[in-house]
Amino acid sequence: MGLKKLPISFRKVLNWLKWGILLFFGLSILSTILFAFIPVPFTPLMGIRATQQLIDGKEVAVYKQWVPIEKISPHLQLAVVCAEDQKYLDHFGFDVDAIKKALDHNKESKRVRGASTISQQTAKNLFLWPGRSWIRKGMEVYFTLLIEAFWSKERILEVYLNVAEMGNGVYGAEAASLYYYGKNADKLTRQQAALLAACLPSPRKYSPVKPSRYISGRQNWILRQMRYWGSSSLFDEKKD
């Protein structure tokens, strides 16, 4: 008995699926290459937050202003690396040791600890949406590998510091610096930079304007890490 032919409709679905997958890979690679050179105008998270503001009956507020990394204080660049990802310059997108420690911690504790690197957070902020599903995490891995392959470490940090959520409707270093301190991002002091970095894990919960005891303690820890690092010139030292 010969094999039955698949219904035409099912074959069409498979064909559409194949072309859909090819289109996804093509567009994702193309957009990653383009964003290696051009400013990022908008992110999915900005759209999600704006929609939430509309649903809640609030005025839609999106404060963002793209600036090159040369116009972002080296203090903030260093503070973010010290706070979020101290192996940033050495890994290829993933901190294996941090992942192992997070897995061990999460087995013993109800409080979930993450291990996302700056590269992973940049990929998530730029291409994806908030959440912890396996599908989203899988796509995060894919986009992290893409930006690590096509971008320099300096470019990844530049994009991160321009699109990261830093308050309710506030995105990026320049917007946050103007919003909270009334100055451009290249004028941030070490203390101000450390305070902004301290709020990054929960920017809508914590504010650098009225820091809680927890945030002040975290700011002091980040300042100590910055002193241990020894310099604010992240990339100049790496190039030497």
C-alpha atoms as a PDB file:
ATOM      1  CA  MET A   1       0.000   0.000   0.000  1.00  0.00           C
ATOM      2  CA  GLY A   2       1.507   3.335  -1.039  1.00  0.00           C
ATOM      3  CA  LEU A   3       1.777   6.327   1.178  1.00  0.00           C
ATOM      4  CA  LYS A   4      -1.182   8.650   1.044  1.00  0.00           C
ATOM      5  CA  LYS A   5      -0.543  12.144  -0.261  1.00  0.00           C
ATOM      6  CA  LEU A   6      -0.832  14.890   2.258  1.00  0.00           C
ATOM      7  CA  PRO A   7      -3.807  17.164   1.737  1.00  0.00           C
ATOM      8  CA  ILE A   8      -2.919  20.199  -0.360  1.00  0.00           C
ATOM      9  CA  SER A   9      -3.978  22.533   2.444  1.00  0.00           C
ATOM     10  CA  PHE A  10      -1.575  20.871   4.879  1.00  0.00           C
ATOM     11  CA  ARG A  11       1.279  21.046   2.379  1.00  0.00           C
ATOM     12  CA  LYS A  12       0.544  24.748   1.987  1.00  0.00           C
ATOM     13  CA  VAL A  13       0.710  25.234   5.739  1.00  0.00           C
ATOM     14  CA  LEU A  14       4.100  23.523   5.856  1.00  0.00           C
ATOM     15  CA  ASN A  15       5.296  25.695   2.992  1.00  0.00           C
ATOM     16  CA  TRP A  16       4.085  28.870   4.699  1.00  0.00           C
ATOM     17  CA  LEU A  17       5.765  27.742   7.893  1.00  0.00           C
ATOM     18  CA  LYS A  18       9.043  27.172   6.066  1.00  0.00           C
ATOM     19  CA  TRP A  19       8.939  30.609   4.449  1.00  0.00           C
ATOM     20  CA  GLY A  20       7.869  32.185   7.735  1.00  0.00           C
ATOM     21  CA  ILE A  21      10.892  30.725   9.500  1.00  0.00           C
ATOM     22  CA  LEU A  22      13.208  31.856   6.697  1.00  0.00           C
ATOM     23  CA  LEU A  23      11.656  35.338   6.812  1.00  0.00           C
ATOM     24  CA  PHE A  24      12.121  35.517  10.584  1.00  0.00           C
ATOM     25  CA  PHE A  25      15.798  34.590  10.378  1.00  0.00           C
ATOM     26  CA  GLY A  26      16.368  36.947   7.453  1.00  0.00           C
ATOM     27  CA  LEU A  27      14.691  39.930   9.102  1.00  0.00           C
ATOM     28  CA  SER A  28      16.295  39.302  12.492  1.00  0.00           C
ATOM     29  CA  ILE A  29      19.781  39.142  10.981  1.00  0.00           C
ATOM     30  CA  LEU A  30      19.149  42.192   8.791  1.00  0.00           C
ATOM     31  CA  SER A  31      17.790  44.276  11.670  1.00  0.00           C
ATOM     32  CA  THR A  32      20.708  43.263  13.886  1.00  0.00           C
ATOM     33  CA  ILE A  33      23.174  44.388  11.230  1.00  0.00           C
ATOM     34  CA  LEU A  34      21.303  47.675  10.695  1.00  0.00           C
ATOM     35  CA  PHE A  35      21.171  48.455  14.418  1.00  0.00           C
ATOM     36  CA  ALA A  36      24.927  47.999  14.578  1.00  0.00           C
ATOM     37  CA  PHE A  37      25.116  51.382  12.839  1.00  0.00           C
ATOM     38  CA  ILE A  38      21.878  53.330  13.309  1.00  0.00           C
ATOM     39  CA  PRO A  39      20.150  54.584  16.485  1.00  0.00           C
ATOM     40  CA  VAL A  40      17.285  52.475  17.813  1.00  0.00           C
ATOM     41  CA  PRO A  41      14.094  54.544  17.388  1.00  0.00           C
ATOM     42  CA  PHE A  42      11.702  52.441  19.476  1.00  0.00           C
ATOM     43  CA  THR A  43      11.513  49.112  21.320  1.00  0.00           C
ATOM     44  CA  PRO A  44       8.706  46.632  22.044  1.00  0.00           C
ATOM     45  CA  LEU A  45       8.935  47.450  25.768  1.00  0.00           C
ATOM     46  CA  MET A  46       8.277  51.127  25.081  1.00  0.00           C
ATOM     47  CA  GLY A  47       5.159  50.152  23.165  1.00  0.00           C
ATOM     48  CA  ILE A  48       4.013  47.786  25.921  1.00  0.00           C
ATOM     49  CA  ARG A  49       4.473  50.429  28.632  1.00  0.00           C
ATOM     50  CA  ALA A  50       2.679  53.061  26.550  1.00  0.00           C
ATOM     51  CA  THR A  51      -0.244  50.673  26.028  1.00  0.00           C
ATOM     52  CA  GLN A  52      -0.377  49.990  29.764  1.00  0.00           C
ATOM     53  CA  GLN A  53      -0.500  53.731  30.426  1.00  0.00           C
ATOM     54  CA  LEU A  54      -3.431  54.063  28.017  1.00  0.00           C
ATOM     55  CA  ILE A  55      -5.302  51.158  29.610  1.00  0.00           C
ATOM     56  CA  ASP A  56      -4.757  52.684  33.065  1.00  0.00           C
ATOM     57  CA  GLY A  57      -6.156  55.991  31.837  1.00  0.00           C
ATOM     58  CA  LYS A  58      -2.824  57.772  32.265  1.00  0.00           C
ATOM     59  CA  GLU A  59      -1.145  60.205  29.921  1.00  0.00           C
ATOM     60  CA  VAL A  60       1.239  58.394  27.599  1.00  0.00           C
ATOM     61  CA  ALA A  61       4.760  59.484  28.507  1.00  0.00           C
ATOM     62  CA  VAL A  62       7.857  58.248  26.701  1.00  0.00           C
ATOM     63  CA  TYR A  63      11.040  60.109  27.533  1.00  0.00           C
ATOM     64  CA  LYS A  64      13.958  59.029  25.383  1.00  0.00           C
ATOM     65  CA  GLN A  65      16.857  60.676  23.606  1.00  0.00           C
ATOM     66  CA  TRP A  66      19.555  58.778  21.759  1.00  0.00           C
ATOM     67  CA  VAL A  67      23.146  59.884  22.313  1.00  0.00           C
ATOM     68  CA  PRO A  68      26.428  58.230  21.237  1.00  0.00           C
ATOM     69  CA  ILE A  69      28.398  56.481  23.951  1.00  0.00           C
ATOM     70  CA  GLU A  70      30.955  59.309  23.890  1.00  0.00           C
ATOM     71  CA  LYS A  71      28.239  61.544  25.353  1.00  0.00           C
ATOM     72  CA  ILE A  72      27.430  59.150  28.195  1.00  0.00           C
ATOM     73  CA  SER A  73      29.528  59.592  31.312  1.00  0.00           C
ATOM     74  CA  PRO A  74      32.255  56.941  31.675  1.00  0.00           C
ATOM     75  CA  HIS A  75      31.137  56.815  35.309  1.00  0.00           C
ATOM     76  CA  LEU A  76      27.730  55.480  34.228  1.00  0.00           C
ATOM     77  CA  GLN A  77      29.281  53.013  31.796  1.00  0.00           C
ATOM     78  CA  LEU A  78      31.454  51.636  34.592  1.00  0.00           C
ATOM     79  CA  ALA A  79      28.667  51.714  37.189  1.00  0.00           C
ATOM     80  CA  VAL A  80      26.346  49.663  34.986  1.00  0.00           C
ATOM     81  CA  VAL A  81      29.013  47.053  34.262  1.00  0.00           C
ATOM     82  CA  CYS A  82      29.926  46.816  37.963  1.00  0.00           C
ATOM     83  CA  ALA A  83      26.272  46.528  38.961  1.00  0.00           C
ATOM     84  CA  GLU A  84      24.935  44.269  36.222  1.00  0.00           C
ATOM     85  CA  ASP A  85      27.702  42.243  34.613  1.00  0.00           C
ATOM     86  CA  GLN A  86      31.303  42.419  35.830  1.00  0.00           C
ATOM     87  CA  LYS A  87      32.469  39.823  33.279  1.00  0.00           C
ATOM     88  CA  TYR A  88      30.896  41.807  30.440  1.00  0.00           C
ATOM     89  CA  LEU A  89      34.130  42.449  28.539  1.00  0.00           C
ATOM     90  CA  ASP A  90      35.197  38.801  28.696  1.00  0.00           C
ATOM     91  CA  HIS A  91      32.148  36.642  27.925  1.00  0.00           C
ATOM     92  CA  PHE A  92      30.357  35.970  24.637  1.00  0.00           C
ATOM     93  CA  GLY A  93      26.930  36.965  25.858  1.00  0.00           C
ATOM     94  CA  PHE A  94      26.467  34.530  28.755  1.00  0.00           C
ATOM     95  CA  ASP A  95      28.045  34.294  32.200  1.00  0.00           C
ATOM     96  CA  VAL A  96      28.149  30.534  32.776  1.00  0.00           C
ATOM     97  CA  ASP A  97      29.282  30.822  36.403  1.00  0.00           C
ATOM     98  CA  ALA A  98      26.459  33.241  37.218  1.00  0.00           C
ATOM     99  CA  ILE A  99      23.937  30.928  35.548  1.00  0.00           C
ATOM    100  CA  LYS A 100      25.119  27.960  37.646  1.00  0.00           C
ATOM    101  CA  LYS A 101      24.944  30.003  40.853  1.00  0.00           C
ATOM    102  CA  ALA A 102      21.452  31.239  39.963  1.00  0.00           C
ATOM    103  CA  LEU A 103      20.241  27.689  39.282  1.00  0.00           C
ATOM    104  CA  ASP A 104      21.631  26.469  42.610  1.00  0.00           C
ATOM    105  CA  HIS A 105      20.096  29.421  44.449  1.00  0.00           C
ATOM    106  CA  ASN A 106      16.689  28.986  42.822  1.00  0.00           C
ATOM    107  CA  LYS A 107      16.579  25.328  43.882  1.00  0.00           C
ATOM    108  CA  GLU A 108      16.878  26.364  47.526  1.00  0.00           C
ATOM    109  CA  SER A 109      14.985  29.663  47.568  1.00  0.00           C
ATOM    110  CA  LYS A 110      11.539  30.878  46.547  1.00  0.00           C
ATOM    111  CA  ARG A 111      13.054  34.214  45.484  1.00  0.00           C
ATOM    112  CA  VAL A 112      14.148  33.769  41.885  1.00  0.00           C
ATOM    113  CA  ARG A 113      17.610  35.068  41.060  1.00  0.00           C
ATOM    114  CA  GLY A 114      18.442  35.967  37.477  1.00  0.00           C
ATOM    115  CA  ALA A 115      21.782  35.758  35.701  1.00  0.00           C
ATOM    116  CA  SER A 116      21.181  37.905  32.636  1.00  0.00           C
ATOM    117  CA  THR A 117      24.192  39.667  31.196  1.00  0.00           C
ATOM    118  CA  ILE A 118      24.146  43.136  29.673  1.00  0.00           C
ATOM    119  CA  SER A 119      24.141  41.452  26.256  1.00  0.00           C
ATOM    120  CA  GLN A 120      21.057  39.416  27.164  1.00  0.00           C
ATOM    121  CA  GLN A 121      19.276  42.456  28.564  1.00  0.00           C
ATOM    122  CA  THR A 122      20.089  44.431  25.433  1.00  0.00           C
ATOM    123  CA  ALA A 123      18.709  41.650  23.217  1.00  0.00           C
ATOM    124  CA  LYS A 124      15.554  41.448  25.354  1.00  0.00           C
ATOM    125  CA  ASN A 125      15.023  45.225  25.447  1.00  0.00           C
ATOM    126  CA  LEU A 126      15.599  45.666  21.729  1.00  0.00           C
ATOM    127  CA  PHE A 127      13.737  42.719  20.208  1.00  0.00           C
ATOM    128  CA  LEU A 128      11.498  41.029  22.782  1.00  0.00           C
ATOM    129  CA  TRP A 129       8.988  41.495  25.563  1.00  0.00           C
ATOM    130  CA  PRO A 130       9.057  40.989  29.368  1.00  0.00           C
ATOM    131  CA  GLY A 131       8.374  37.495  30.636  1.00  0.00           C
ATOM    132  CA  ARG A 132       9.892  34.222  31.760  1.00  0.00           C
ATOM    133  CA  SER A 133       8.460  31.730  29.278  1.00  0.00           C
ATOM    134  CA  TRP A 134      10.784  29.201  27.673  1.00  0.00           C
ATOM    135  CA  ILE A 135       9.912  30.538  24.218  1.00  0.00           C
ATOM    136  CA  ARG A 136      10.954  34.063  25.156  1.00  0.00           C
ATOM    137  CA  LYS A 137      14.122  32.847  26.861  1.00  0.00           C
ATOM    138  CA  GLY A 138      14.987  30.789  23.800  1.00  0.00           C
ATOM    139  CA  MET A 139      14.557  33.802  21.549  1.00  0.00           C
ATOM    140  CA  GLU A 140      16.638  35.851  23.977  1.00  0.00           C
ATOM    141  CA  VAL A 141      19.493  33.356  23.570  1.00  0.00           C
ATOM    142  CA  TYR A 142      19.197  33.601  19.786  1.00  0.00           C
ATOM    143  CA  PHE A 143      19.232  37.405  19.681  1.00  0.00           C
ATOM    144  CA  THR A 144      22.039  37.562  22.247  1.00  0.00           C
ATOM    145  CA  LEU A 145      24.206  35.393  20.001  1.00  0.00           C
ATOM    146  CA  LEU A 146      23.305  37.613  17.042  1.00  0.00           C
ATOM    147  CA  ILE A 147      24.342  40.890  18.648  1.00  0.00           C
ATOM    148  CA  GLU A 148      27.498  39.344  20.071  1.00  0.00           C
ATOM    149  CA  ALA A 149      28.380  38.129  16.570  1.00  0.00           C
ATOM    150  CA  PHE A 150      27.649  41.382  14.718  1.00  0.00           C
ATOM    151  CA  TRP A 151      28.265  44.112  17.301  1.00  0.00           C
ATOM    152  CA  SER A 152      31.261  45.224  19.326  1.00  0.00           C
ATOM    153  CA  LYS A 153      31.070  45.246  23.122  1.00  0.00           C
ATOM    154  CA  GLU A 154      31.102  49.031  22.987  1.00  0.00           C
ATOM    155  CA  ARG A 155      28.093  49.051  20.663  1.00  0.00           C
ATOM    156  CA  ILE A 156      26.144  46.627  22.854  1.00  0.00           C
ATOM    157  CA  LEU A 157      26.680  48.847  25.891  1.00  0.00           C
ATOM    158  CA  GLU A 158      25.829  51.946  23.848  1.00  0.00           C
ATOM    159  CA  VAL A 159      22.496  50.468  22.782  1.00  0.00           C
ATOM    160  CA  TYR A 160      21.764  49.194  26.285  1.00  0.00           C
ATOM    161  CA  LEU A 161      22.408  52.616  27.825  1.00  0.00           C
ATOM    162  CA  ASN A 162      20.090  54.220  25.264  1.00  0.00           C
ATOM    163  CA  VAL A 163      17.087  51.887  25.510  1.00  0.00           C
ATOM    164  CA  ALA A 164      17.138  50.523  29.078  1.00  0.00           C
ATOM    165  CA  GLU A 165      14.083  51.357  31.172  1.00  0.00           C
ATOM    166  CA  MET A 166      15.158  53.807  33.894  1.00  0.00           C
ATOM    167  CA  GLY A 167      11.824  54.881  35.324  1.00  0.00           C
ATOM    168  CA  ASN A 168       8.151  55.189  34.452  1.00  0.00           C
ATOM    169  CA  GLY A 169       8.286  56.113  30.784  1.00  0.00           C
ATOM    170  CA  VAL A 170      11.980  57.005  31.016  1.00  0.00           C
ATOM    171  CA  TYR A 171      14.373  55.190  28.669  1.00  0.00           C
ATOM    172  CA  GLY A 172      18.102  55.583  28.298  1.00  0.00           C
ATOM    173  CA  ALA A 173      20.879  57.446  30.054  1.00  0.00           C
ATOM    174  CA  GLU A 174      20.312  60.865  28.471  1.00  0.00           C
ATOM    175  CA  ALA A 175      16.580  60.934  29.221  1.00  0.00           C
ATOM    176  CA  ALA A 176      17.151  59.662  32.776  1.00  0.00           C
ATOM    177  CA  SER A 177      19.902  62.186  33.461  1.00  0.00           C
ATOM    178  CA  LEU A 178      17.749  65.075  32.232  1.00  0.00           C
ATOM    179  CA  TYR A 179      14.640  63.754  34.010  1.00  0.00           C
ATOM    180  CA  TYR A 180      16.227  63.145  37.413  1.00  0.00           C
ATOM    181  CA  TYR A 181      19.169  65.552  37.546  1.00  0.00           C
ATOM    182  CA  GLY A 182      18.500  68.215  34.924  1.00  0.00           C
ATOM    183  CA  LYS A 183      21.819  67.629  33.209  1.00  0.00           C
ATOM    184  CA  ASN A 184      23.163  65.762  30.193  1.00  0.00           C
ATOM    185  CA  ALA A 185      24.388  62.199  30.615  1.00  0.00           C
ATOM    186  CA  ASP A 186      28.023  63.136  30.051  1.00  0.00           C
ATOM    187  CA  LYS A 187      27.910  65.335  33.171  1.00  0.00           C
ATOM    188  CA  LEU A 188      26.868  62.596  35.631  1.00  0.00           C
ATOM    189  CA  THR A 189      29.028  62.239  38.730  1.00  0.00           C
ATOM    190  CA  ARG A 190      30.183  58.891  40.122  1.00  0.00           C
ATOM    191  CA  GLN A 191      27.559  59.079  42.876  1.00  0.00           C
ATOM    192  CA  GLN A 192      24.733  59.866  40.448  1.00  0.00           C
ATOM    193  CA  ALA A 193      25.870  57.164  38.033  1.00  0.00           C
ATOM    194  CA  ALA A 194      26.007  54.566  40.811  1.00  0.00           C
ATOM    195  CA  LEU A 195      22.530  55.582  41.979  1.00  0.00           C
ATOM    196  CA  LEU A 196      21.036  55.196  38.507  1.00  0.00           C
ATOM    197  CA  ALA A 197      22.720  51.805  38.150  1.00  0.00           C
ATOM    198  CA  ALA A 198      21.418  50.761  41.568  1.00  0.00           C
ATOM    199  CA  CYS A 199      17.826  51.280  40.402  1.00  0.00           C
ATOM    200  CA  LEU A 200      18.195  49.379  37.112  1.00  0.00           C
ATOM    201  CA  PRO A 201      16.874  45.971  38.239  1.00  0.00           C
ATOM    202  CA  SER A 202      13.522  47.553  39.215  1.00  0.00           C
ATOM    203  CA  PRO A 203      13.414  51.047  37.678  1.00  0.00           C
ATOM    204  CA  ARG A 204       9.671  51.484  38.125  1.00  0.00           C
ATOM    205  CA  LYS A 205       9.826  50.462  41.782  1.00  0.00           C
ATOM    206  CA  TYR A 206      12.880  52.438  42.867  1.00  0.00           C
ATOM    207  CA  SER A 207      13.813  56.039  42.149  1.00  0.00           C
ATOM    208  CA  PRO A 208      17.184  57.828  42.384  1.00  0.00           C
ATOM    209  CA  VAL A 209      15.361  60.962  43.555  1.00  0.00           C
ATOM    210  CA  LYS A 210      14.295  59.453  46.881  1.00  0.00           C
ATOM    211  CA  PRO A 211      16.460  56.350  47.277  1.00  0.00           C
ATOM    212  CA  SER A 212      15.359  53.787  49.832  1.00  0.00           C
ATOM    213  CA  ARG A 213      17.801  52.340  52.350  1.00  0.00           C
ATOM    214  CA  TYR A 214      18.206  49.327  50.077  1.00  0.00           C
ATOM    215  CA  ILE A 215      19.050  51.491  47.042  1.00  0.00           C
ATOM    216  CA  SER A 216      21.471  53.642  49.052  1.00  0.00           C
ATOM    217  CA  GLY A 217      23.218  50.499  50.253  1.00  0.00           C
ATOM    218  CA  ARG A 218      23.374  49.166  46.726  1.00  0.00           C
ATOM    219  CA  GLN A 219      24.752  52.505  45.513  1.00  0.00           C
ATOM    220  CA  ASN A 220      27.563  52.296  48.070  1.00  0.00           C
ATOM    221  CA  TRP A 221      28.349  48.724  47.002  1.00  0.00           C
ATOM    222  CA  ILE A 222      28.528  49.807  43.349  1.00  0.00           C
ATOM    223  CA  LEU A 223      30.838  52.714  44.242  1.00  0.00           C
ATOM    224  CA  ARG A 224      33.176  50.269  46.009  1.00  0.00           C
ATOM    225  CA  GLN A 225      33.159  48.002  42.960  1.00  0.00           C
ATOM    226  CA  MET A 226      33.974  51.006  40.762  1.00  0.00           C
ATOM    227  CA  ARG A 227      36.964  51.828  42.961  1.00  0.00           C
ATOM    228  CA  TYR A 228      38.171  48.222  42.794  1.00  0.00           C
ATOM    229  CA  TRP A 229      37.885  48.334  38.989  1.00  0.00           C
ATOM    230  CA  GLY A 230      40.294  51.252  39.072  1.00  0.00           C
ATOM    231  CA  SER A 231      39.171  53.341  36.091  1.00  0.00           C
ATOM    232  CA  SER A 232      36.118  54.550  34.220  1.00  0.00           C
ATOM    233  CA  SER A 233      37.761  53.930  30.829  1.00  0.00           C
ATOM    234  CA  LEU A 234      36.304  50.515  30.062  1.00  0.00           C
ATOM    235  CA  PHE A 235      37.111  50.224  26.396  1.00  0.00           C
ATOM    236  CA  ASP A 236      40.363  52.173  26.180  1.00  0.00           C
ATOM    237  CA  GLU A 237      41.938  49.758  28.660  1.00  0.00           C
ATOM    238  CA  LYS A 238      40.575  46.733  26.800  1.00  0.00           C
ATOM    239  CA  LYS A 239      42.067  47.964  23.511  1.00  0.00           C
ATOM    240  CA  ASP A 240      45.575  48.506  24.981  1.00  0.00           C
END
